[in-house]
Amino acid sequence: MVSKPEDVKVAMVEGERTNRVEVTLATDDVGKVIGRGGRNIDAIRAVVRAAALKNHDRVMVEIV
């Protein structure tokens, strides 16, 4: 999905009620990950949210 996989960094920031997954990408790859109309990032967020709900957690995915 990305052209520079070595530049992808993922960090988990734990909050009081909600955890945050921060994804850092190369500038050229941000548009690819977001996708047309936000379809790709929406799909990524849906998968992460579904996995988190299995453990009764709340997770947000952000591109930084």
N, C-alpha and C. Protein backbone atom coordinates (compact mmCIF):
# COMPACT_ATOMS: atom_id res chain seq x y z
N MET A 1 0.82 -1.19 0.00
CA MET A 1 0.00 0.00 0.00
C MET A 1 0.87 1.25 0.00
N VAL A 2 2.01 1.21 0.67
CA VAL A 2 2.89 2.39 0.73
C VAL A 2 4.13 2.14 -0.10
N SER A 3 4.72 3.22 -0.60
CA SER A 3 5.92 3.08 -1.42
C SER A 3 7.19 3.11 -0.58
N LYS A 4 7.10 3.60 0.65
CA LYS A 4 8.26 3.66 1.54
C LYS A 4 7.93 2.99 2.88
N PRO A 5 7.87 1.65 2.91
CA PRO A 5 7.49 0.96 4.15
C PRO A 5 8.48 1.20 5.30
N GLU A 6 9.71 1.54 4.96
CA GLU A 6 10.69 1.80 6.03
C GLU A 6 10.38 3.08 6.80
N ASP A 7 9.55 3.95 6.23
CA ASP A 7 9.18 5.21 6.89
C ASP A 7 7.90 5.09 7.72
N VAL A 8 7.28 3.93 7.73
CA VAL A 8 6.04 3.75 8.49
C VAL A 8 6.38 3.46 9.94
N LYS A 9 5.80 4.26 10.83
CA LYS A 9 5.99 4.07 12.27
C LYS A 9 4.61 4.02 12.91
N VAL A 10 4.41 3.07 13.80
CA VAL A 10 3.13 2.93 14.50
C VAL A 10 3.41 2.98 15.99
N ALA A 11 2.68 3.85 16.68
CA ALA A 11 2.85 3.99 18.13
C ALA A 11 1.49 3.94 18.79
N MET A 12 1.43 3.28 19.95
CA MET A 12 0.20 3.21 20.73
C MET A 12 0.32 4.17 21.90
N VAL A 13 -0.64 5.07 22.02
CA VAL A 13 -0.67 6.03 23.12
C VAL A 13 -1.89 5.68 23.97
N GLU A 14 -1.64 5.27 25.20
CA GLU A 14 -2.74 4.86 26.07
C GLU A 14 -3.33 6.06 26.78
N GLY A 15 -4.64 6.16 26.71
CA GLY A 15 -5.36 7.23 27.38
C GLY A 15 -6.20 6.66 28.51
N GLU A 16 -6.92 7.54 29.19
CA GLU A 16 -7.76 7.11 30.30
C GLU A 16 -8.86 6.15 29.85
N ARG A 17 -9.58 6.56 28.82
CA ARG A 17 -10.70 5.74 28.35
C ARG A 17 -10.47 5.19 26.94
N THR A 18 -9.66 5.87 26.16
CA THR A 18 -9.46 5.50 24.76
C THR A 18 -7.97 5.45 24.44
N ASN A 19 -7.56 4.40 23.77
CA ASN A 19 -6.19 4.31 23.29
C ASN A 19 -6.12 4.88 21.89
N ARG A 20 -4.95 5.39 21.54
CA ARG A 20 -4.77 6.02 20.23
C ARG A 20 -3.61 5.33 19.51
N VAL A 21 -3.84 4.94 18.27
CA VAL A 21 -2.79 4.40 17.42
C VAL A 21 -2.37 5.52 16.49
N GLU A 22 -1.11 5.95 16.61
CA GLU A 22 -0.59 7.02 15.77
C GLU A 22 0.27 6.39 14.68
N VAL A 23 -0.09 6.66 13.44
CA VAL A 23 0.63 6.13 12.29
C VAL A 23 1.36 7.29 11.62
N THR A 24 2.68 7.18 11.54
CA THR A 24 3.50 8.19 10.88
C THR A 24 3.95 7.61 9.54
N LEU A 25 3.76 8.39 8.48
CA LEU A 25 4.07 7.93 7.13
C LEU A 25 4.92 8.96 6.40
N ALA A 26 5.53 8.52 5.31
CA ALA A 26 6.18 9.46 4.40
C ALA A 26 5.09 10.33 3.78
N THR A 27 5.41 11.57 3.52
CA THR A 27 4.44 12.53 2.98
C THR A 27 3.79 12.01 1.69
N ASP A 28 4.56 11.33 0.86
CA ASP A 28 4.04 10.81 -0.41
C ASP A 28 2.99 9.71 -0.20
N ASP A 29 3.04 9.03 0.93
CA ASP A 29 2.16 7.89 1.16
C ASP A 29 0.86 8.23 1.88
N VAL A 30 0.75 9.42 2.42
CA VAL A 30 -0.44 9.78 3.20
C VAL A 30 -1.70 9.66 2.35
N GLY A 31 -1.67 10.18 1.14
CA GLY A 31 -2.83 10.11 0.26
C GLY A 31 -3.24 8.69 -0.07
N LYS A 32 -2.26 7.81 -0.25
CA LYS A 32 -2.56 6.41 -0.56
C LYS A 32 -3.25 5.73 0.61
N VAL A 33 -2.78 6.01 1.81
CA VAL A 33 -3.36 5.36 2.99
C VAL A 33 -4.77 5.91 3.26
N ILE A 34 -4.96 7.20 3.05
CA ILE A 34 -6.30 7.78 3.24
C ILE A 34 -7.24 7.26 2.16
N GLY A 35 -6.78 7.24 0.92
CA GLY A 35 -7.59 6.73 -0.18
C GLY A 35 -8.62 7.71 -0.67
N ARG A 36 -9.20 7.40 -1.79
CA ARG A 36 -10.21 8.28 -2.39
C ARG A 36 -11.44 8.35 -1.48
N GLY A 37 -11.74 9.56 -1.07
CA GLY A 37 -12.90 9.76 -0.19
C GLY A 37 -12.71 9.18 1.20
N GLY A 38 -11.48 8.83 1.56
CA GLY A 38 -11.21 8.28 2.89
C GLY A 38 -11.55 6.81 3.03
N ARG A 39 -11.74 6.13 1.91
CA ARG A 39 -12.15 4.72 1.98
C ARG A 39 -11.12 3.83 2.66
N ASN A 40 -9.85 4.00 2.33
CA ASN A 40 -8.82 3.12 2.91
C ASN A 40 -8.70 3.33 4.42
N ILE A 41 -8.61 4.58 4.86
CA ILE A 41 -8.45 4.83 6.29
C ILE A 41 -9.70 4.42 7.05
N ASP A 42 -10.87 4.58 6.44
CA ASP A 42 -12.11 4.13 7.09
C ASP A 42 -12.10 2.62 7.28
N ALA A 43 -11.61 1.89 6.28
CA ALA A 43 -11.53 0.43 6.39
C ALA A 43 -10.53 0.01 7.46
N ILE A 44 -9.38 0.68 7.50
CA ILE A 44 -8.37 0.38 8.52
C ILE A 44 -8.94 0.64 9.91
N ARG A 45 -9.61 1.77 10.07
CA ARG A 45 -10.21 2.11 11.37
C ARG A 45 -11.27 1.10 11.77
N ALA A 46 -12.06 0.64 10.82
CA ALA A 46 -13.12 -0.34 11.13
C ALA A 46 -12.53 -1.66 11.61
N VAL A 47 -11.46 -2.11 10.97
CA VAL A 47 -10.81 -3.36 11.38
C VAL A 47 -10.21 -3.22 12.78
N VAL A 48 -9.52 -2.11 13.02
CA VAL A 48 -8.90 -1.88 14.33
C VAL A 48 -9.98 -1.77 15.40
N ARG A 49 -11.05 -1.05 15.10
CA ARG A 49 -12.14 -0.88 16.07
C ARG A 49 -12.78 -2.24 16.40
N ALA A 50 -13.00 -3.07 15.40
CA ALA A 50 -13.60 -4.38 15.62
C ALA A 50 -12.70 -5.26 16.48
N ALA A 51 -11.40 -5.22 16.21
CA ALA A 51 -10.46 -6.01 17.02
C ALA A 51 -10.43 -5.51 18.46
N ALA A 52 -10.50 -4.21 18.65
CA ALA A 52 -10.46 -3.64 19.99
C ALA A 52 -11.74 -3.97 20.76
N LEU A 53 -12.87 -3.98 20.09
CA LEU A 53 -14.13 -4.27 20.76
C LEU A 53 -14.18 -5.68 21.32
N LYS A 54 -13.45 -6.60 20.71
CA LYS A 54 -13.39 -7.96 21.23
C LYS A 54 -12.85 -7.96 22.66
N ASN A 55 -11.96 -7.01 22.95
CA ASN A 55 -11.36 -6.89 24.29
C ASN A 55 -12.01 -5.78 25.10
N HIS A 56 -13.14 -5.27 24.61
CA HIS A 56 -13.86 -4.18 25.28
C HIS A 56 -13.00 -2.93 25.42
N ASP A 57 -12.19 -2.65 24.40
CA ASP A 57 -11.34 -1.46 24.38
C ASP A 57 -11.87 -0.47 23.35
N ARG A 58 -11.46 0.79 23.51
CA ARG A 58 -11.77 1.83 22.53
C ARG A 58 -10.45 2.30 21.94
N VAL A 59 -10.38 2.30 20.62
CA VAL A 59 -9.14 2.67 19.94
C VAL A 59 -9.46 3.62 18.79
N MET A 60 -8.63 4.66 18.65
CA MET A 60 -8.72 5.59 17.53
C MET A 60 -7.44 5.45 16.71
N VAL A 61 -7.55 5.52 15.40
CA VAL A 61 -6.39 5.49 14.52
C VAL A 61 -6.22 6.89 13.93
N GLU A 62 -5.03 7.45 14.10
CA GLU A 62 -4.73 8.78 13.57
C GLU A 62 -3.48 8.73 12.72
N ILE A 63 -3.49 9.49 11.64
CA ILE A 63 -2.30 9.65 10.81
C ILE A 63 -1.65 10.96 11.23
N VAL A 64 -0.39 10.86 11.63
CA VAL A 64 0.35 12.07 12.05
C VAL A 64 1.52 12.33 11.15
